Protein backbone atom coordinates (compact mmCIF):
# COMPACT_ATOMS: atom_id res chain seq x y z
CA MET A 1 5.00 -71.30 50.94
CA ALA A 2 4.97 -70.97 47.09
CA ARG A 3 8.21 -71.27 45.47
CA THR A 4 9.60 -69.32 42.56
CA VAL A 5 10.51 -71.45 39.72
CA LYS A 6 13.79 -70.13 38.13
CA GLY A 7 12.94 -71.21 34.66
CA GLY A 8 9.43 -69.57 35.04
CA THR A 9 10.91 -66.42 36.10
CA ASP A 10 13.38 -66.17 33.28
CA ALA A 11 10.75 -66.89 30.75
CA ARG A 12 8.55 -64.18 32.01
CA ARG A 13 11.53 -61.76 32.03
CA GLU A 14 12.42 -62.69 28.31
CA ARG A 15 8.69 -62.25 27.39
CA TRP A 16 8.60 -58.62 29.02
CA LYS A 17 11.99 -57.79 27.52
CA GLY A 18 10.53 -59.00 24.06
CA HIS A 19 7.50 -56.79 24.61
CA ARG A 20 9.36 -53.79 25.48
CA GLU A 21 11.63 -54.27 22.46
CA ALA A 22 8.61 -54.69 20.20
CA ARG A 23 7.00 -51.56 21.78
CA ARG A 24 10.01 -49.42 21.23
CA ALA A 25 10.28 -50.56 17.62
CA GLU A 26 6.63 -49.44 17.16
CA PHE A 27 7.45 -45.89 18.64
CA VAL A 28 10.54 -45.70 16.28
CA GLU A 29 8.32 -46.46 13.27
CA ALA A 30 5.59 -43.88 14.70
CA THR A 31 8.39 -41.26 15.00
CA ILE A 32 9.64 -41.94 11.53
CA ARG A 33 5.96 -41.34 10.22
CA ALA A 34 5.84 -38.14 12.31
CA VAL A 35 9.12 -36.69 10.86
CA ALA A 36 7.75 -37.39 7.43
CA LYS A 37 4.54 -35.46 8.25
CA HIS A 38 5.91 -32.68 10.35
CA GLY A 39 9.45 -32.46 9.28
CA PRO A 40 12.85 -32.60 11.08
CA ASP A 41 11.93 -30.22 13.89
CA VAL A 42 8.94 -32.47 15.08
CA GLY A 43 8.19 -32.56 18.72
CA MET A 44 7.36 -35.21 21.20
CA ASP A 45 3.65 -33.97 21.24
CA GLU A 46 3.33 -34.93 17.26
CA ILE A 47 5.21 -38.29 17.78
CA ALA A 48 3.01 -39.32 20.79
CA ALA A 49 -0.06 -38.40 18.77
CA GLU A 50 1.15 -40.46 15.76
CA ALA A 51 1.98 -43.45 18.20
CA GLY A 52 -1.62 -43.01 19.77
CA VAL A 53 -0.13 -42.70 23.24
CA SER A 54 0.67 -40.05 25.86
CA LYS A 55 4.12 -38.62 26.25
CA PRO A 56 4.63 -40.29 29.58
CA VAL A 57 4.07 -43.66 27.87
CA LEU A 58 6.93 -42.85 25.38
CA TYR A 59 9.11 -41.82 28.15
CA ARG A 60 8.53 -45.25 29.92
CA HIS A 61 10.29 -46.74 26.88
CA PHE A 62 12.97 -44.18 26.09
CA ALA A 63 15.00 -42.40 28.68
CA ASP A 64 14.79 -39.07 26.94
CA LYS A 65 14.48 -37.53 23.58
CA SER A 66 18.15 -38.42 22.69
CA ASP A 67 17.46 -42.00 23.42
CA LEU A 68 14.69 -41.89 20.95
CA TYR A 69 16.80 -40.06 18.35
CA LEU A 70 19.55 -42.69 18.73
CA ALA A 71 17.02 -45.50 18.09
CA VAL A 72 15.49 -43.73 15.01
CA GLY A 73 19.05 -43.17 13.78
CA ARG A 74 19.79 -46.95 14.04
CA ARG A 75 16.59 -47.63 12.32
CA GLY A 76 17.52 -45.29 9.61
CA THR A 77 20.85 -47.00 9.17
CA GLU A 78 19.04 -50.25 8.57
CA MET A 79 16.74 -48.79 5.89
CA LEU A 80 20.10 -47.28 4.27
CA MET A 81 21.83 -50.49 4.26
CA ASP A 82 18.85 -52.62 3.07
CA LYS A 83 19.10 -50.57 -0.05
CA MET A 84 22.90 -50.21 -0.38
CA GLY A 85 24.15 -53.59 0.87
CA PRO A 86 22.60 -55.70 -2.13
CA ALA A 87 23.93 -52.88 -4.47
CA ILE A 88 27.53 -53.33 -3.09
CA ASP A 89 27.44 -56.87 -3.14
CA LEU A 90 26.09 -57.29 -6.54
CA ASP A 91 28.37 -58.55 -9.27
CA GLY A 92 28.37 -57.09 -12.75
CA PRO A 93 30.18 -54.53 -15.22
CA VAL A 94 32.15 -51.95 -13.17
CA ARG A 95 30.15 -48.75 -14.25
CA PRO A 96 26.74 -50.18 -13.87
CA ARG A 97 27.83 -51.41 -10.41
CA ILE A 98 29.03 -48.00 -9.37
CA GLN A 99 25.82 -46.27 -10.55
CA GLY A 100 23.63 -48.90 -8.66
CA ILE A 101 25.60 -48.21 -5.44
CA VAL A 102 25.14 -44.40 -5.81
CA ASP A 103 21.64 -44.44 -6.86
CA ALA A 104 20.65 -46.75 -3.91
CA TYR A 105 21.94 -44.10 -1.55
CA LEU A 106 20.24 -41.26 -3.40
CA SER A 107 17.06 -43.31 -3.54
CA VAL A 108 16.95 -43.46 0.24
CA ILE A 109 17.42 -39.70 1.01
CA GLU A 110 14.83 -38.90 -1.81
CA GLU A 111 12.37 -41.39 -0.28
CA HIS A 112 13.02 -40.10 3.34
CA PRO A 113 14.19 -36.44 3.12
CA ASN A 114 12.97 -35.36 6.55
CA LEU A 115 14.28 -38.51 8.22
CA TYR A 116 17.69 -37.66 6.72
CA ARG A 117 17.52 -34.05 7.95
CA PHE A 118 16.21 -35.33 11.45
CA VAL A 119 19.17 -37.59 11.74
CA VAL A 120 21.96 -35.23 10.30
CA ARG A 121 20.81 -32.09 12.22
CA LYS A 122 20.53 -33.83 15.87
CA SER A 123 18.11 -30.73 16.70
CA PHE A 124 15.83 -33.18 18.30
CA THR A 125 18.15 -34.47 21.02
CA ASP A 126 18.23 -32.83 24.47
CA ARG A 127 21.59 -33.71 25.55
CA PRO A 128 24.88 -34.69 23.73
CA VAL A 129 24.54 -38.25 22.37
CA ASP A 130 27.26 -40.78 22.89
CA GLN A 131 27.02 -42.18 19.38
CA ASP A 132 27.39 -40.19 16.03
CA VAL A 133 24.95 -42.14 13.63
CA VAL A 134 25.87 -40.20 10.69
CA ASN A 135 29.42 -40.86 11.06
CA GLU A 136 28.78 -44.47 11.79
CA ASP A 137 27.01 -44.68 8.47
CA LYS A 138 29.91 -43.16 6.82
CA GLN A 139 32.27 -45.65 8.29
CA LEU A 140 30.07 -48.61 7.52
CA ILE A 141 29.61 -47.69 3.93
CA ALA A 142 33.27 -46.56 3.53
CA ALA A 143 34.39 -49.90 4.88
CA ALA A 144 32.23 -51.87 2.28
CA LEU A 145 33.70 -49.76 -0.57
CA ALA A 146 37.23 -50.11 0.53
CA ARG A 147 37.02 -53.87 0.24
CA LEU A 148 35.46 -53.40 -3.11
CA LEU A 149 38.01 -50.91 -4.43
CA GLY A 150 40.74 -53.04 -2.66
CA ASP A 151 39.64 -56.15 -4.68
CA TYR A 152 40.04 -54.06 -7.86
CA LEU A 153 43.51 -52.72 -7.12
CA ARG A 154 44.85 -56.27 -5.96
CA ALA A 155 43.35 -57.91 -9.20
CA PHE A 156 45.82 -56.00 -11.29
CA GLY A 157 48.80 -56.41 -8.76
CA MET A 158 48.35 -52.68 -7.48
CA ASP A 159 48.87 -51.51 -3.95
CA SER A 160 45.54 -51.65 -2.26
CA GLY A 161 46.67 -49.25 0.69
CA GLY A 162 44.86 -46.34 -0.81
CA ALA A 163 41.52 -48.15 -0.91
CA GLU A 164 40.44 -47.07 2.42
CA PRO A 165 41.12 -43.25 2.07
CA TRP A 166 39.80 -43.41 -1.30
CA ALA A 167 36.46 -45.03 -0.21
CA HIS A 168 36.14 -42.31 2.55
CA ALA A 169 36.63 -39.55 -0.17
CA LEU A 170 33.91 -41.06 -2.28
CA VAL A 171 31.44 -41.39 0.51
CA GLY A 172 32.09 -37.84 1.48
CA MET A 173 31.61 -36.68 -2.11
CA VAL A 174 28.28 -38.43 -2.76
CA GLN A 175 26.85 -37.48 0.56
CA ASN A 176 27.84 -33.81 0.32
CA ALA A 177 26.44 -33.84 -3.40
CA GLY A 178 23.27 -35.46 -1.91
CA ASP A 179 22.82 -32.77 0.54
CA TRP A 180 23.01 -30.13 -1.90
CA TRP A 181 20.53 -31.98 -4.30
CA LEU A 182 17.88 -32.25 -1.39
CA ASP A 183 18.15 -28.53 -0.90
CA ARG A 184 18.16 -27.54 -4.71
CA GLN A 185 16.40 -30.30 -6.43
CA SER A 186 17.75 -28.62 -9.64
CA MET A 187 18.08 -32.08 -11.46
CA THR A 188 16.55 -35.45 -11.33
CA ARG A 189 17.98 -38.28 -9.22
CA ALA A 190 18.96 -40.02 -12.38
CA SER A 191 21.09 -37.10 -13.60
CA LEU A 192 22.81 -36.75 -10.39
CA SER A 193 23.39 -40.41 -10.10
CA ASP A 194 24.83 -40.43 -13.60
CA TYR A 195 27.25 -37.20 -12.96
CA LEU A 196 28.51 -38.90 -9.76
CA THR A 197 29.01 -42.26 -11.42
CA THR A 198 30.93 -40.73 -14.22
CA ILE A 199 33.27 -38.82 -11.72
CA ILE A 200 33.84 -42.00 -9.73
CA TRP A 201 34.40 -44.19 -12.94
CA HIS A 202 37.08 -41.86 -14.32
CA ALA A 203 38.92 -41.84 -10.96
CA ILE A 204 39.03 -45.42 -11.08
CA ASP A 205 40.00 -45.45 -14.89
CA GLY A 206 42.71 -43.02 -14.35
CA LEU A 207 44.26 -45.02 -11.48
CA LEU A 208 44.17 -48.16 -13.46
CA ARG A 209 45.70 -46.50 -16.59
CA SER A 210 48.54 -45.26 -14.30
CA ALA A 211 49.37 -49.05 -14.01
CA GLY A 212 48.93 -49.65 -17.72
CA VAL A 213 45.68 -51.21 -17.51
CA ALA A 214 42.43 -49.90 -19.39
CA LEU A 215 39.36 -51.60 -17.96
CA ASP A 216 36.18 -51.88 -20.05
CA PRO A 217 33.44 -50.36 -17.91
CA ASP A 218 30.64 -52.28 -19.43
CA ALA A 219 32.25 -55.71 -19.69
CA PRO A 220 31.14 -58.42 -17.35
CA LEU A 221 33.52 -58.99 -14.35
CA SER A 222 33.92 -62.67 -14.82
CA THR A 223 35.20 -63.07 -18.39
CA GLY A 224 38.74 -63.33 -17.54
CA LEU A 225 41.98 -61.18 -17.43
CA ALA A 226 43.69 -59.96 -20.43
CA ASP A 227 46.90 -61.38 -21.86
CA GLY A 228 48.84 -63.01 -19.17
CA ASP A 229 46.42 -62.95 -16.16
CA ARG A 230 48.22 -60.20 -14.19
CA ALA A 231 47.14 -61.30 -10.74
CA GLU A 232 44.86 -63.68 -8.71
CA GLY A 233 41.62 -62.06 -7.74
CA PRO A 234 38.32 -61.15 -9.36
CA ARG A 235 38.17 -62.31 -12.85
CA LEU A 236 38.15 -59.02 -15.02
CA ARG A 237 38.08 -58.26 -18.67
CA VAL A 238 40.50 -55.38 -19.45
CA VAL A 239 41.78 -53.92 -22.70
CA ASP A 240 45.27 -52.95 -23.20
CA VAL A 241 45.96 -49.17 -22.76
CA GLU A 242 47.69 -48.71 -26.21
CA GLU A 243 44.45 -50.27 -27.82
CA ALA A 244 42.00 -48.13 -25.89
């Protein structure tokens, strides 16, 4: 009688698991292409045609339409953070840094408007989903911004407790402005990015000035603090409020 070798069984199981994951990823990419072609109200027939398979094959890899929607949403999050992550982590002068973050977000929704609407509307789902992809994106971006804002506030010995609600407010503002812009297209992406950057910068500037600090928005962030090194943290160049 032939014996089953546990190691061989495990290896086959892992290979099959890897194959299924690869196929799911292929179908997610096909869905994104179908959404781009047919819009956010795309159907399973269009998706199957784009993937070059029948609908039953799709349903072998996804429990239902909602399962496929969530997989596409997670892929959308990856695409968003691939652009925004480096912009958030990039060092440099304050205002250009803000503009880089805002423009990174706008560039993604500009490049993939139908995908953005597909994820936001949730009209594709055939049951309530147990994950809110859009809210998860907001939380992820807001958490990164809160760390950034907290660093600035602590650098000047200020209370950083407001960094988190402030970050959520900024994320909501940029997202809502982006929604309006996708529907209206009444200005260029560069213009909207500049408007939003100006609003955000003046909010930061106003808060710092309330603590007696005027930050040079175009100065490198590693040239040192002004007279007296107010606090430990990122080395920032500032100018005195009375002189600004």
